Amino acid sequence: MGLLIDGRWHDQWYDTKSHGGEFVRESAQLRDWVTRDGSPGPEGQPGLEAAENRFHLYVSLACPWAHRALILRRLKQLEPLIGVSHTSPLMLGNGWTYDTREGSSGDAVNGVDYHHQLYTLTDPHYTGRVTVPALWDKRGGRIVNNESADLVRIFNDAFDDLTGNRLDFYPADLRETIDAVNADVYDHINNGVYKSGFATEQGVYEKHVTALFEALDRMESRLGEQRYLAGEWLTEADIRLFTTLIRFDAVYHGHFKCNLRRIEDYPNLSNYLRELYQWPGIAETVNLDHIKRHYYYSHDTINPTRIVPRGPLLELDRPHDRERLPGRGVRRK
């Protein structure tokens, strides 16, 4: 995992030493919005007009943050409008690459070899971590937005007039609940696995892994009383939790030492995971080969032998029991 400093690439791991053994995630810097008519975003961000074949999504199939955007692209039927390129699962000295010999799709839009080149095409003096996902504007020749939470909401709304897809993963009357759940899940679960796995002090690791499982316990209890995290409707909160759950037993449990319990050991969470995996369109966005090869092979500070385990056998197509709770699918606008 590297970064750009004044437009120059540096193969540099996270500096946990200066933070007392803590992993600190850098905030996304590119936060322009896409709207139906080019009007500003919800917080006044500069807006670009949604259009067919204007935007291109760059992702890693291994990355949980990029996975959120891929799922919304599928469920909102945006594939004919927004193309996608995916990196190789191996993130080594040059960061994310588009080397087709290592499992990348290649980059048919800009023809770059390395993901960091998209950032310097956007800003020749860019300074910061080089991350996925990134939404590219082919007209402007730049990254519009590299924050996955923003892209989920952009995809939920901006292209509806072009697709006719009115599914709503962020309904107005559920937003307060969704935002509260998202805050808990992001801090303690989505990012909690990284704060545990990338910790370099014992006490820091124990603090975060304890908080992680306390949050998983809260979600287990919540899902014992209702079908989805915001109630009877599937929302973006479920998608945001799913992308961590699908990686948990295969990667985070062992590689990141998040091993108090497996997701399989939670009756509600494990059945909920299988329901979401079996939701039409979602399984096709999951690539466990990329997921396992990325984490176990790329993080040589954690796994210096780079041996990728064969297991576990997840059997995600097994039946689930979520029909016992009332569910109404996805809200329509």
C-alpha atoms as a PDB file:
ATOM      1  CA  MET A   1       0.000   0.000   0.000  1.00  0.00           C
ATOM      2  CA  GLY A   2       1.655   3.181  -1.168  1.00  0.00           C
ATOM      3  CA  LEU A   3       0.911   6.829  -1.630  1.00  0.00           C
ATOM      4  CA  LEU A   4       1.666   9.814  -3.810  1.00  0.00           C
ATOM      5  CA  ILE A   5       3.628  12.763  -2.483  1.00  0.00           C
ATOM      6  CA  ASP A   6       3.520  15.775  -4.812  1.00  0.00           C
ATOM      7  CA  GLY A   7       2.659  13.423  -7.657  1.00  0.00           C
ATOM      8  CA  ARG A   8       5.490  10.958  -7.037  1.00  0.00           C
ATOM      9  CA  TRP A   9       4.782   7.362  -6.051  1.00  0.00           C
ATOM     10  CA  HIS A  10       6.168   6.007  -2.755  1.00  0.00           C
ATOM     11  CA  ASP A  11       5.857   2.370  -1.710  1.00  0.00           C
ATOM     12  CA  GLN A  12       5.166   3.169   1.921  1.00  0.00           C
ATOM     13  CA  TRP A  13       3.143   1.244   4.513  1.00  0.00           C
ATOM     14  CA  TYR A  14       0.944   2.943   7.087  1.00  0.00           C
ATOM     15  CA  ASP A  15       2.807   4.838   9.792  1.00  0.00           C
ATOM     16  CA  THR A  16       1.386   3.205  12.901  1.00  0.00           C
ATOM     17  CA  LYS A  17       4.429   4.097  15.011  1.00  0.00           C
ATOM     18  CA  SER A  18       3.582   7.793  15.103  1.00  0.00           C
ATOM     19  CA  HIS A  19       0.033   6.907  16.224  1.00  0.00           C
ATOM     20  CA  GLY A  20       0.977   4.613  19.116  1.00  0.00           C
ATOM     21  CA  GLY A  21       0.390   1.415  17.131  1.00  0.00           C
ATOM     22  CA  GLU A  22      -2.937   2.617  15.682  1.00  0.00           C
ATOM     23  CA  PHE A  23      -3.979   2.324  12.049  1.00  0.00           C
ATOM     24  CA  VAL A  24      -5.467   5.666  10.983  1.00  0.00           C
ATOM     25  CA  ARG A  25      -7.412   5.715   7.723  1.00  0.00           C
ATOM     26  CA  GLU A  26      -6.985   8.759   5.492  1.00  0.00           C
ATOM     27  CA  SER A  27     -10.170  10.508   4.391  1.00  0.00           C
ATOM     28  CA  ALA A  28     -11.020  10.575   0.702  1.00  0.00           C
ATOM     29  CA  GLN A  29     -10.074  13.848  -0.990  1.00  0.00           C
ATOM     30  CA  LEU A  30     -11.967  13.750  -4.300  1.00  0.00           C
ATOM     31  CA  ARG A  31     -15.601  14.392  -3.450  1.00  0.00           C
ATOM     32  CA  ASP A  32     -17.399  15.979  -6.415  1.00  0.00           C
ATOM     33  CA  TRP A  33     -20.900  14.632  -7.035  1.00  0.00           C
ATOM     34  CA  VAL A  34     -22.985  13.349  -9.942  1.00  0.00           C
ATOM     35  CA  THR A  35     -26.621  14.488 -10.086  1.00  0.00           C
ATOM     36  CA  ARG A  36     -29.470  14.095 -12.550  1.00  0.00           C
ATOM     37  CA  ASP A  37     -29.043  17.599 -13.966  1.00  0.00           C
ATOM     38  CA  GLY A  38     -25.568  18.646 -12.869  1.00  0.00           C
ATOM     39  CA  SER A  39     -26.803  20.587  -9.862  1.00  0.00           C
ATOM     40  CA  PRO A  40     -24.656  20.624  -6.692  1.00  0.00           C
ATOM     41  CA  GLY A  41     -24.441  17.595  -4.426  1.00  0.00           C
ATOM     42  CA  PRO A  42     -26.263  17.232  -1.086  1.00  0.00           C
ATOM     43  CA  GLU A  43     -23.655  19.277   0.790  1.00  0.00           C
ATOM     44  CA  GLY A  44     -23.055  21.774  -2.002  1.00  0.00           C
ATOM     45  CA  GLN A  45     -20.350  19.765  -3.750  1.00  0.00           C
ATOM     46  CA  PRO A  46     -19.713  20.609  -7.426  1.00  0.00           C
ATOM     47  CA  GLY A  47     -22.093  18.517  -9.531  1.00  0.00           C
ATOM     48  CA  LEU A  48     -21.709  16.804 -12.881  1.00  0.00           C
ATOM     49  CA  GLU A  49     -24.683  15.769 -14.985  1.00  0.00           C
ATOM     50  CA  ALA A  50     -25.460  12.054 -15.179  1.00  0.00           C
ATOM     51  CA  ALA A  51     -25.135  10.734 -18.714  1.00  0.00           C
ATOM     52  CA  GLU A  52     -24.743   7.428 -20.472  1.00  0.00           C
ATOM     53  CA  ASN A  53     -21.130   6.406 -21.153  1.00  0.00           C
ATOM     54  CA  ARG A  54     -19.717   9.476 -19.430  1.00  0.00           C
ATOM     55  CA  PHE A  55     -18.405   7.762 -16.297  1.00  0.00           C
ATOM     56  CA  HIS A  56     -16.177   4.760 -15.679  1.00  0.00           C
ATOM     57  CA  LEU A  57     -15.711   2.932 -12.373  1.00  0.00           C
ATOM     58  CA  TYR A  58     -12.297   1.677 -11.272  1.00  0.00           C
ATOM     59  CA  VAL A  59     -12.363  -0.991  -8.565  1.00  0.00           C
ATOM     60  CA  SER A  60     -10.587  -3.883  -6.962  1.00  0.00           C
ATOM     61  CA  LEU A  61     -12.713  -7.017  -6.640  1.00  0.00           C
ATOM     62  CA  ALA A  62     -10.868  -7.690  -3.377  1.00  0.00           C
ATOM     63  CA  CYS A  63     -11.654  -4.366  -1.704  1.00  0.00           C
ATOM     64  CA  PRO A  64     -14.757  -4.138   0.524  1.00  0.00           C
ATOM     65  CA  TRP A  65     -15.095  -0.383  -0.074  1.00  0.00           C
ATOM     66  CA  ALA A  66     -15.073  -0.838  -3.856  1.00  0.00           C
ATOM     67  CA  HIS A  67     -17.443  -3.784  -3.479  1.00  0.00           C
ATOM     68  CA  ARG A  68     -20.163  -1.457  -2.131  1.00  0.00           C
ATOM     69  CA  ALA A  69     -20.106   0.549  -5.350  1.00  0.00           C
ATOM     70  CA  LEU A  70     -20.096  -2.595  -7.511  1.00  0.00           C
ATOM     71  CA  ILE A  71     -23.197  -3.930  -5.764  1.00  0.00           C
ATOM     72  CA  LEU A  72     -25.126  -0.667  -6.228  1.00  0.00           C
ATOM     73  CA  ARG A  73     -24.025  -0.540  -9.870  1.00  0.00           C
ATOM     74  CA  ARG A  74     -25.522  -4.021 -10.325  1.00  0.00           C
ATOM     75  CA  LEU A  75     -28.723  -3.545  -8.333  1.00  0.00           C
ATOM     76  CA  LYS A  76     -29.458  -0.146  -9.894  1.00  0.00           C
ATOM     77  CA  GLN A  77     -28.914  -1.563 -13.413  1.00  0.00           C
ATOM     78  CA  LEU A  78     -26.107   0.861 -14.200  1.00  0.00           C
ATOM     79  CA  GLU A  79     -23.865  -1.583 -16.041  1.00  0.00           C
ATOM     80  CA  PRO A  80     -24.940  -0.391 -19.543  1.00  0.00           C
ATOM     81  CA  LEU A  81     -24.244   3.228 -18.518  1.00  0.00           C
ATOM     82  CA  ILE A  82     -21.085   2.963 -16.407  1.00  0.00           C
ATOM     83  CA  GLY A  83     -18.201   0.763 -17.491  1.00  0.00           C
ATOM     84  CA  VAL A  84     -15.854  -0.851 -14.998  1.00  0.00           C
ATOM     85  CA  SER A  85     -12.193  -1.832 -14.819  1.00  0.00           C
ATOM     86  CA  HIS A  86     -10.786  -3.960 -12.022  1.00  0.00           C
ATOM     87  CA  THR A  87      -7.242  -4.172 -10.748  1.00  0.00           C
ATOM     88  CA  SER A  88      -5.117  -7.225 -10.178  1.00  0.00           C
ATOM     89  CA  PRO A  89      -5.664  -8.676  -6.691  1.00  0.00           C
ATOM     90  CA  LEU A  90      -1.926  -8.316  -6.021  1.00  0.00           C
ATOM     91  CA  MET A  91      -1.037  -4.956  -4.491  1.00  0.00           C
ATOM     92  CA  LEU A  92       2.759  -4.908  -4.325  1.00  0.00           C
ATOM     93  CA  GLY A  93       5.496  -2.323  -4.888  1.00  0.00           C
ATOM     94  CA  ASN A  94       3.515  -0.252  -7.395  1.00  0.00           C
ATOM     95  CA  GLY A  95       0.195  -0.518  -5.556  1.00  0.00           C
ATOM     96  CA  TRP A  96      -2.929  -1.527  -7.457  1.00  0.00           C
ATOM     97  CA  THR A  97      -2.046  -2.515 -11.041  1.00  0.00           C
ATOM     98  CA  TYR A  98      -3.897  -3.223 -14.277  1.00  0.00           C
ATOM     99  CA  ASP A  99      -1.644  -6.145 -15.196  1.00  0.00           C
ATOM    100  CA  THR A 100      -3.876  -8.613 -17.055  1.00  0.00           C
ATOM    101  CA  ARG A 101      -1.371 -11.415 -16.395  1.00  0.00           C
ATOM    102  CA  GLU A 102      -2.220 -11.144 -12.701  1.00  0.00           C
ATOM    103  CA  GLY A 103      -6.011 -11.160 -13.058  1.00  0.00           C
ATOM    104  CA  SER A 104      -6.835  -7.549 -13.911  1.00  0.00           C
ATOM    105  CA  SER A 105      -9.339  -6.570 -16.578  1.00  0.00           C
ATOM    106  CA  GLY A 106      -6.841  -4.001 -17.855  1.00  0.00           C
ATOM    107  CA  ASP A 107      -7.748  -0.358 -18.377  1.00  0.00           C
ATOM    108  CA  ALA A 108      -9.512   0.193 -21.699  1.00  0.00           C
ATOM    109  CA  VAL A 109     -10.279   3.860 -20.961  1.00  0.00           C
ATOM    110  CA  ASN A 110      -6.941   5.417 -20.067  1.00  0.00           C
ATOM    111  CA  GLY A 111      -4.543   2.540 -20.698  1.00  0.00           C
ATOM    112  CA  VAL A 112      -2.676   3.045 -17.427  1.00  0.00           C
ATOM    113  CA  ASP A 113      -0.518   0.342 -15.889  1.00  0.00           C
ATOM    114  CA  TYR A 114      -0.922   1.484 -12.303  1.00  0.00           C
ATOM    115  CA  HIS A 115      -3.913   2.869 -10.436  1.00  0.00           C
ATOM    116  CA  HIS A 116      -1.854   5.733  -9.032  1.00  0.00           C
ATOM    117  CA  GLN A 117      -1.492   7.084 -12.580  1.00  0.00           C
ATOM    118  CA  LEU A 118      -5.216   7.916 -12.589  1.00  0.00           C
ATOM    119  CA  TYR A 119      -4.593  10.169  -9.609  1.00  0.00           C
ATOM    120  CA  THR A 120      -1.748  12.042 -11.289  1.00  0.00           C
ATOM    121  CA  LEU A 121      -3.814  12.392 -14.465  1.00  0.00           C
ATOM    122  CA  THR A 122      -6.373  14.089 -12.216  1.00  0.00           C
ATOM    123  CA  ASP A 123      -3.769  16.193 -10.391  1.00  0.00           C
ATOM    124  CA  PRO A 124      -0.081  16.001 -11.330  1.00  0.00           C
ATOM    125  CA  HIS A 125       0.809  17.095  -7.782  1.00  0.00           C
ATOM    126  CA  TYR A 126      -1.617  14.807  -5.922  1.00  0.00           C
ATOM    127  CA  THR A 127      -0.587  13.922  -2.366  1.00  0.00           C
ATOM    128  CA  GLY A 128      -2.333  11.126  -0.487  1.00  0.00           C
ATOM    129  CA  ARG A 129      -3.164   7.453  -0.438  1.00  0.00           C
ATOM    130  CA  VAL A 130      -4.159   5.859  -3.725  1.00  0.00           C
ATOM    131  CA  THR A 131      -7.434   4.019  -3.174  1.00  0.00           C
ATOM    132  CA  VAL A 132     -10.310   2.247  -4.882  1.00  0.00           C
ATOM    133  CA  PRO A 133     -13.073   2.760  -5.872  1.00  0.00           C
ATOM    134  CA  ALA A 134     -12.641   5.770  -8.132  1.00  0.00           C
ATOM    135  CA  LEU A 135     -15.269   7.177 -10.475  1.00  0.00           C
ATOM    136  CA  TRP A 136     -13.718   8.622 -13.645  1.00  0.00           C
ATOM    137  CA  ASP A 137     -15.277  11.352 -15.790  1.00  0.00           C
ATOM    138  CA  LYS A 138     -14.324  10.615 -19.389  1.00  0.00           C
ATOM    139  CA  ARG A 139     -15.326  14.123 -20.524  1.00  0.00           C
ATOM    140  CA  GLY A 140     -13.242  15.917 -17.939  1.00  0.00           C
ATOM    141  CA  GLY A 141     -10.409  13.382 -17.848  1.00  0.00           C
ATOM    142  CA  ARG A 142     -10.312  13.132 -14.072  1.00  0.00           C
ATOM    143  CA  ILE A 143     -11.447  11.240 -10.996  1.00  0.00           C
ATOM    144  CA  VAL A 144     -14.740  12.730  -9.838  1.00  0.00           C
ATOM    145  CA  ASN A 145     -15.050  10.917  -6.524  1.00  0.00           C
ATOM    146  CA  ASN A 146     -13.031   8.314  -4.611  1.00  0.00           C
ATOM    147  CA  GLU A 147     -15.268   7.927  -1.543  1.00  0.00           C
ATOM    148  CA  SER A 148     -17.241   4.689  -1.599  1.00  0.00           C
ATOM    149  CA  ALA A 149     -20.015   5.977   0.673  1.00  0.00           C
ATOM    150  CA  ASP A 150     -20.602   8.867  -1.756  1.00  0.00           C
ATOM    151  CA  LEU A 151     -20.647   6.551  -4.773  1.00  0.00           C
ATOM    152  CA  VAL A 152     -23.304   4.364  -3.152  1.00  0.00           C
ATOM    153  CA  ARG A 153     -25.573   7.403  -2.838  1.00  0.00           C
ATOM    154  CA  ILE A 154     -24.712   8.768  -6.274  1.00  0.00           C
ATOM    155  CA  PHE A 155     -25.582   5.427  -7.854  1.00  0.00           C
ATOM    156  CA  ASN A 156     -28.771   5.238  -5.806  1.00  0.00           C
ATOM    157  CA  ASP A 157     -30.184   8.409  -7.326  1.00  0.00           C
ATOM    158  CA  ALA A 158     -28.329  10.204 -10.117  1.00  0.00           C
ATOM    159  CA  PHE A 159     -29.088   7.880 -13.038  1.00  0.00           C
ATOM    160  CA  ASP A 160     -32.714   6.966 -12.289  1.00  0.00           C
ATOM    161  CA  ASP A 161     -34.125   9.027 -15.167  1.00  0.00           C
ATOM    162  CA  LEU A 162     -31.841   7.192 -17.597  1.00  0.00           C
ATOM    163  CA  THR A 163     -32.457   3.654 -16.323  1.00  0.00           C
ATOM    164  CA  GLY A 164     -36.008   3.876 -14.996  1.00  0.00           C
ATOM    165  CA  ASN A 165     -34.773   1.956 -11.963  1.00  0.00           C
ATOM    166  CA  ARG A 166     -36.538   3.427  -8.920  1.00  0.00           C
ATOM    167  CA  LEU A 167     -35.148   1.171  -6.208  1.00  0.00           C
ATOM    168  CA  ASP A 168     -34.277   3.286  -3.182  1.00  0.00           C
ATOM    169  CA  PHE A 169     -31.531   2.113  -0.838  1.00  0.00           C
ATOM    170  CA  TYR A 170     -31.625   5.355   1.175  1.00  0.00           C
ATOM    171  CA  PRO A 171     -35.319   6.172   1.752  1.00  0.00           C
ATOM    172  CA  ALA A 172     -35.959   9.560   3.338  1.00  0.00           C
ATOM    173  CA  ASP A 173     -37.975   8.222   6.277  1.00  0.00           C
ATOM    174  CA  LEU A 174     -35.263   5.692   7.198  1.00  0.00           C
ATOM    175  CA  ARG A 175     -32.226   7.952   6.843  1.00  0.00           C
ATOM    176  CA  GLU A 176     -31.828   8.716  10.529  1.00  0.00           C
ATOM    177  CA  THR A 177     -31.814   4.985  11.326  1.00  0.00           C
ATOM    178  CA  ILE A 178     -29.521   4.160   8.394  1.00  0.00           C
ATOM    179  CA  ASP A 179     -27.039   6.888   9.340  1.00  0.00           C
ATOM    180  CA  ALA A 180     -26.889   5.719  12.963  1.00  0.00           C
ATOM    181  CA  VAL A 181     -26.332   2.086  11.951  1.00  0.00           C
ATOM    182  CA  ASN A 182     -23.739   3.110   9.358  1.00  0.00           C
ATOM    183  CA  ALA A 183     -21.773   5.076  11.946  1.00  0.00           C
ATOM    184  CA  ASP A 184     -21.584   2.072  14.283  1.00  0.00           C
ATOM    185  CA  VAL A 185     -20.825  -0.433  11.527  1.00  0.00           C
ATOM    186  CA  TYR A 186     -18.207   1.754   9.849  1.00  0.00           C
ATOM    187  CA  ASP A 187     -16.210   2.592  12.966  1.00  0.00           C
ATOM    188  CA  HIS A 188     -16.342  -0.764  14.714  1.00  0.00           C
ATOM    189  CA  ILE A 189     -16.810  -3.351  11.926  1.00  0.00           C
ATOM    190  CA  ASN A 190     -15.926  -2.084   8.418  1.00  0.00           C
ATOM    191  CA  ASN A 191     -12.900  -0.187   9.701  1.00  0.00           C
ATOM    192  CA  GLY A 192     -12.683  -2.183  12.929  1.00  0.00           C
ATOM    193  CA  VAL A 193     -11.230  -5.221  11.168  1.00  0.00           C
ATOM    194  CA  TYR A 194      -8.462  -2.997   9.767  1.00  0.00           C
ATOM    195  CA  LYS A 195      -7.837  -1.281  13.102  1.00  0.00           C
ATOM    196  CA  SER A 196      -7.425  -4.755  14.593  1.00  0.00           C
ATOM    197  CA  GLY A 197      -5.416  -6.303  11.755  1.00  0.00           C
ATOM    198  CA  PHE A 198      -3.051  -3.382  11.150  1.00  0.00           C
ATOM    199  CA  ALA A 199      -2.423  -2.613  14.844  1.00  0.00           C
ATOM    200  CA  THR A 200       1.232  -2.877  15.852  1.00  0.00           C
ATOM    201  CA  GLU A 201       0.795  -2.792  19.624  1.00  0.00           C
ATOM    202  CA  GLN A 202      -0.867  -5.538  21.670  1.00  0.00           C
ATOM    203  CA  GLY A 203      -3.056  -3.184  23.671  1.00  0.00           C
ATOM    204  CA  VAL A 204      -4.246  -1.368  20.555  1.00  0.00           C
ATOM    205  CA  TYR A 205      -5.150  -4.657  18.880  1.00  0.00           C
ATOM    206  CA  GLU A 206      -7.050  -5.908  21.932  1.00  0.00           C
ATOM    207  CA  LYS A 207      -8.994  -2.642  22.240  1.00  0.00           C
ATOM    208  CA  HIS A 208     -10.164  -2.742  18.653  1.00  0.00           C
ATOM    209  CA  VAL A 209     -10.839  -6.454  18.381  1.00  0.00           C
ATOM    210  CA  THR A 210     -12.968  -6.237  21.528  1.00  0.00           C
ATOM    211  CA  ALA A 211     -14.919  -3.300  20.078  1.00  0.00           C
ATOM    212  CA  LEU A 212     -15.330  -5.206  16.801  1.00  0.00           C
ATOM    213  CA  PHE A 213     -16.968  -8.204  18.427  1.00  0.00           C
ATOM    214  CA  GLU A 214     -19.113  -6.059  20.694  1.00  0.00           C
ATOM    215  CA  ALA A 215     -20.447  -4.414  17.526  1.00  0.00           C
ATOM    216  CA  LEU A 216     -20.995  -7.787  15.836  1.00  0.00           C
ATOM    217  CA  ASP A 217     -22.907  -8.852  18.946  1.00  0.00           C
ATOM    218  CA  ARG A 218     -25.088  -5.725  18.596  1.00  0.00           C
ATOM    219  CA  MET A 219     -25.816  -6.538  14.947  1.00  0.00           C
ATOM    220  CA  GLU A 220     -26.595 -10.155  15.858  1.00  0.00           C
ATOM    221  CA  SER A 221     -29.158  -8.965  18.419  1.00  0.00           C
ATOM    222  CA  ARG A 222     -30.627  -6.425  16.018  1.00  0.00           C
ATOM    223  CA  LEU A 223     -31.028  -9.031  13.290  1.00  0.00           C
ATOM    224  CA  GLY A 224     -32.751 -11.350  15.728  1.00  0.00           C
ATOM    225  CA  GLU A 225     -35.620  -8.864  15.920  1.00  0.00           C
ATOM    226  CA  GLN A 226     -35.861  -7.589  12.329  1.00  0.00           C
ATOM    227  CA  ARG A 227     -35.064  -8.832   8.835  1.00  0.00           C
ATOM    228  CA  TYR A 228     -32.650  -6.035   7.873  1.00  0.00           C
ATOM    229  CA  LEU A 229     -30.615  -3.420   9.706  1.00  0.00           C
ATOM    230  CA  ALA A 230     -33.180  -0.636   9.177  1.00  0.00           C
ATOM    231  CA  GLY A 231     -36.241  -2.869   9.607  1.00  0.00           C
ATOM    232  CA  GLU A 232     -38.285  -4.578   6.886  1.00  0.00           C
ATOM    233  CA  TRP A 233     -36.485  -2.924   3.966  1.00  0.00           C
ATOM    234  CA  LEU A 234     -33.087  -3.747   2.498  1.00  0.00           C
ATOM    235  CA  THR A 235     -31.021  -0.527   2.463  1.00  0.00           C
ATOM    236  CA  GLU A 236     -27.493   0.718   1.900  1.00  0.00           C
ATOM    237  CA  ALA A 237     -26.758  -0.124   5.556  1.00  0.00           C
ATOM    238  CA  ASP A 238     -27.069  -3.821   4.704  1.00  0.00           C
ATOM    239  CA  ILE A 239     -24.797  -3.496   1.659  1.00  0.00           C
ATOM    240  CA  ARG A 240     -22.166  -1.729   3.757  1.00  0.00           C
ATOM    241  CA  LEU A 241     -22.179  -4.480   6.384  1.00  0.00           C
ATOM    242  CA  PHE A 242     -22.327  -7.293   3.810  1.00  0.00           C
ATOM    243  CA  THR A 243     -18.999  -6.428   2.185  1.00  0.00           C
ATOM    244  CA  THR A 244     -17.212  -6.953   5.510  1.00  0.00           C
ATOM    245  CA  LEU A 245     -19.187 -10.052   6.495  1.00  0.00           C
ATOM    246  CA  ILE A 246     -18.453 -11.803   3.174  1.00  0.00           C
ATOM    247  CA  ARG A 247     -14.706 -11.386   3.810  1.00  0.00           C
ATOM    248  CA  PHE A 248     -14.747 -12.126   7.508  1.00  0.00           C
ATOM    249  CA  ASP A 249     -14.360 -15.893   7.842  1.00  0.00           C
ATOM    250  CA  ALA A 250     -12.174 -16.178   4.734  1.00  0.00           C
ATOM    251  CA  VAL A 251      -9.756 -13.369   5.608  1.00  0.00           C
ATOM    252  CA  TYR A 252     -10.322 -11.227   8.688  1.00  0.00           C
ATOM    253  CA  HIS A 253     -10.754 -14.106  11.121  1.00  0.00           C
ATOM    254  CA  GLY A 254      -7.278 -15.489  10.418  1.00  0.00           C
ATOM    255  CA  HIS A 255      -5.237 -12.857   8.588  1.00  0.00           C
ATOM    256  CA  PHE A 256      -6.350  -9.930  10.770  1.00  0.00           C
ATOM    257  CA  LYS A 257      -6.551 -12.003  14.000  1.00  0.00           C
ATOM    258  CA  CYS A 258     -10.263 -11.222  14.391  1.00  0.00           C
ATOM    259  CA  ASN A 259     -10.775 -14.679  15.807  1.00  0.00           C
ATOM    260  CA  LEU A 260     -12.976 -14.497  18.883  1.00  0.00           C
ATOM    261  CA  ARG A 261     -15.754 -15.963  16.739  1.00  0.00           C
ATOM    262  CA  ARG A 262     -16.525 -16.601  13.093  1.00  0.00           C
ATOM    263  CA  ILE A 263     -19.566 -15.126  11.369  1.00  0.00           C
ATOM    264  CA  GLU A 264     -20.637 -18.749  10.970  1.00  0.00           C
ATOM    265  CA  ASP A 265     -20.854 -18.913  14.786  1.00  0.00           C
ATOM    266  CA  TYR A 266     -23.550 -16.206  14.826  1.00  0.00           C
ATOM    267  CA  PRO A 267     -26.969 -17.680  13.923  1.00  0.00           C
ATOM    268  CA  ASN A 268     -28.547 -14.431  12.751  1.00  0.00           C
ATOM    269  CA  LEU A 269     -25.520 -12.886  11.050  1.00  0.00           C
ATOM    270  CA  SER A 270     -24.637 -16.082   9.185  1.00  0.00           C
ATOM    271  CA  ASN A 271     -28.175 -16.584   7.860  1.00  0.00           C
ATOM    272  CA  TYR A 272     -28.400 -12.866   6.994  1.00  0.00           C
ATOM    273  CA  LEU A 273     -25.084 -13.114   5.118  1.00  0.00           C
ATOM    274  CA  ARG A 274     -26.400 -16.011   3.063  1.00  0.00           C
ATOM    275  CA  GLU A 275     -29.648 -14.198   2.285  1.00  0.00           C
ATOM    276  CA  LEU A 276     -27.782 -11.160   0.969  1.00  0.00           C
ATOM    277  CA  TYR A 277     -25.307 -13.296  -0.977  1.00  0.00           C
ATOM    278  CA  GLN A 278     -28.263 -15.064  -2.625  1.00  0.00           C
ATOM    279  CA  TRP A 279     -30.040 -11.780  -3.440  1.00  0.00           C
ATOM    280  CA  PRO A 280     -30.342 -11.575  -7.253  1.00  0.00           C
ATOM    281  CA  GLY A 281     -27.192  -9.986  -8.649  1.00  0.00           C
ATOM    282  CA  ILE A 282     -25.087  -9.837  -5.494  1.00  0.00           C
ATOM    283  CA  ALA A 283     -23.251 -13.176  -5.725  1.00  0.00           C
ATOM    284  CA  GLU A 284     -21.942 -12.160  -9.151  1.00  0.00           C
ATOM    285  CA  THR A 285     -20.074  -9.256  -7.538  1.00  0.00           C
ATOM    286  CA  VAL A 286     -18.201 -11.550  -5.106  1.00  0.00           C
ATOM    287  CA  ASN A 287     -14.787 -12.900  -6.122  1.00  0.00           C
ATOM    288  CA  LEU A 288     -13.313 -14.894  -3.246  1.00  0.00           C
ATOM    289  CA  ASP A 289     -10.204 -15.775  -5.245  1.00  0.00           C
ATOM    290  CA  HIS A 290      -9.329 -12.082  -5.608  1.00  0.00           C
ATOM    291  CA  ILE A 291     -10.243 -11.439  -1.974  1.00  0.00           C
ATOM    292  CA  LYS A 292      -8.023 -14.164  -0.544  1.00  0.00           C
ATOM    293  CA  ARG A 293      -5.092 -13.606  -2.902  1.00  0.00           C
ATOM    294  CA  HIS A 294      -5.096  -9.878  -2.243  1.00  0.00           C
ATOM    295  CA  TYR A 295      -4.998 -10.000   1.522  1.00  0.00           C
ATOM    296  CA  TYR A 296      -2.783 -13.014   2.096  1.00  0.00           C
ATOM    297  CA  TYR A 297      -0.342 -12.243  -0.721  1.00  0.00           C
ATOM    298  CA  SER A 298      -0.156  -8.445  -0.641  1.00  0.00           C
ATOM    299  CA  HIS A 299       0.254  -7.848   3.105  1.00  0.00           C
ATOM    300  CA  ASP A 300       3.701  -9.323   3.570  1.00  0.00           C
ATOM    301  CA  THR A 301       4.166  -7.405   6.834  1.00  0.00           C
ATOM    302  CA  ILE A 302       1.391  -9.627   8.229  1.00  0.00           C
ATOM    303  CA  ASN A 303       1.887 -12.793   6.146  1.00  0.00           C
ATOM    304  CA  PRO A 304       5.546 -12.828   5.026  1.00  0.00           C
ATOM    305  CA  THR A 305       5.331 -16.349   3.536  1.00  0.00           C
ATOM    306  CA  ARG A 306       2.500 -15.187   1.213  1.00  0.00           C
ATOM    307  CA  ILE A 307       0.836 -18.577   1.527  1.00  0.00           C
ATOM    308  CA  VAL A 308      -2.851 -18.300   0.607  1.00  0.00           C
ATOM    309  CA  PRO A 309      -5.032 -20.744   2.572  1.00  0.00           C
ATOM    310  CA  ARG A 310      -7.335 -23.163   0.768  1.00  0.00           C
ATOM    311  CA  GLY A 311     -10.260 -22.736   3.149  1.00  0.00           C
ATOM    312  CA  PRO A 312     -12.620 -22.126   4.673  1.00  0.00           C
ATOM    313  CA  LEU A 313     -15.565 -23.832   2.963  1.00  0.00           C
ATOM    314  CA  LEU A 314     -18.217 -21.126   3.239  1.00  0.00           C
ATOM    315  CA  GLU A 315     -21.189 -22.818   1.480  1.00  0.00           C
ATOM    316  CA  LEU A 316     -22.919 -19.484   0.914  1.00  0.00           C
ATOM    317  CA  ASP A 317     -25.601 -21.115  -1.249  1.00  0.00           C
ATOM    318  CA  ARG A 318     -27.014 -23.067   1.699  1.00  0.00           C
ATOM    319  CA  PRO A 319     -30.611 -22.208   2.659  1.00  0.00           C
ATOM    320  CA  HIS A 320     -31.149 -19.396   5.167  1.00  0.00           C
ATOM    321  CA  ASP A 321     -33.903 -18.845   7.708  1.00  0.00           C
ATOM    322  CA  ARG A 322     -34.558 -15.127   7.260  1.00  0.00           C
ATOM    323  CA  GLU A 323     -38.098 -15.694   5.973  1.00  0.00           C
ATOM    324  CA  ARG A 324     -39.146 -16.115   9.611  1.00  0.00           C
ATOM    325  CA  LEU A 325     -38.937 -12.318   9.954  1.00  0.00           C
ATOM    326  CA  PRO A 326     -41.070  -9.903   7.908  1.00  0.00           C
ATOM    327  CA  GLY A 327     -39.249  -8.395   4.960  1.00  0.00           C
ATOM    328  CA  ARG A 328     -40.463  -6.197   2.125  1.00  0.00           C
ATOM    329  CA  GLY A 329     -37.473  -6.129  -0.217  1.00  0.00           C
ATOM    330  CA  VAL A 330     -36.213  -2.756  -1.470  1.00  0.00           C
ATOM    331  CA  ARG A 331     -38.270   0.412  -1.229  1.00  0.00           C
ATOM    332  CA  ARG A 332     -39.226   2.091  -4.501  1.00  0.00           C
ATOM    333  CA  LYS A 333     -39.258   5.832  -4.991  1.00  0.00           C
END
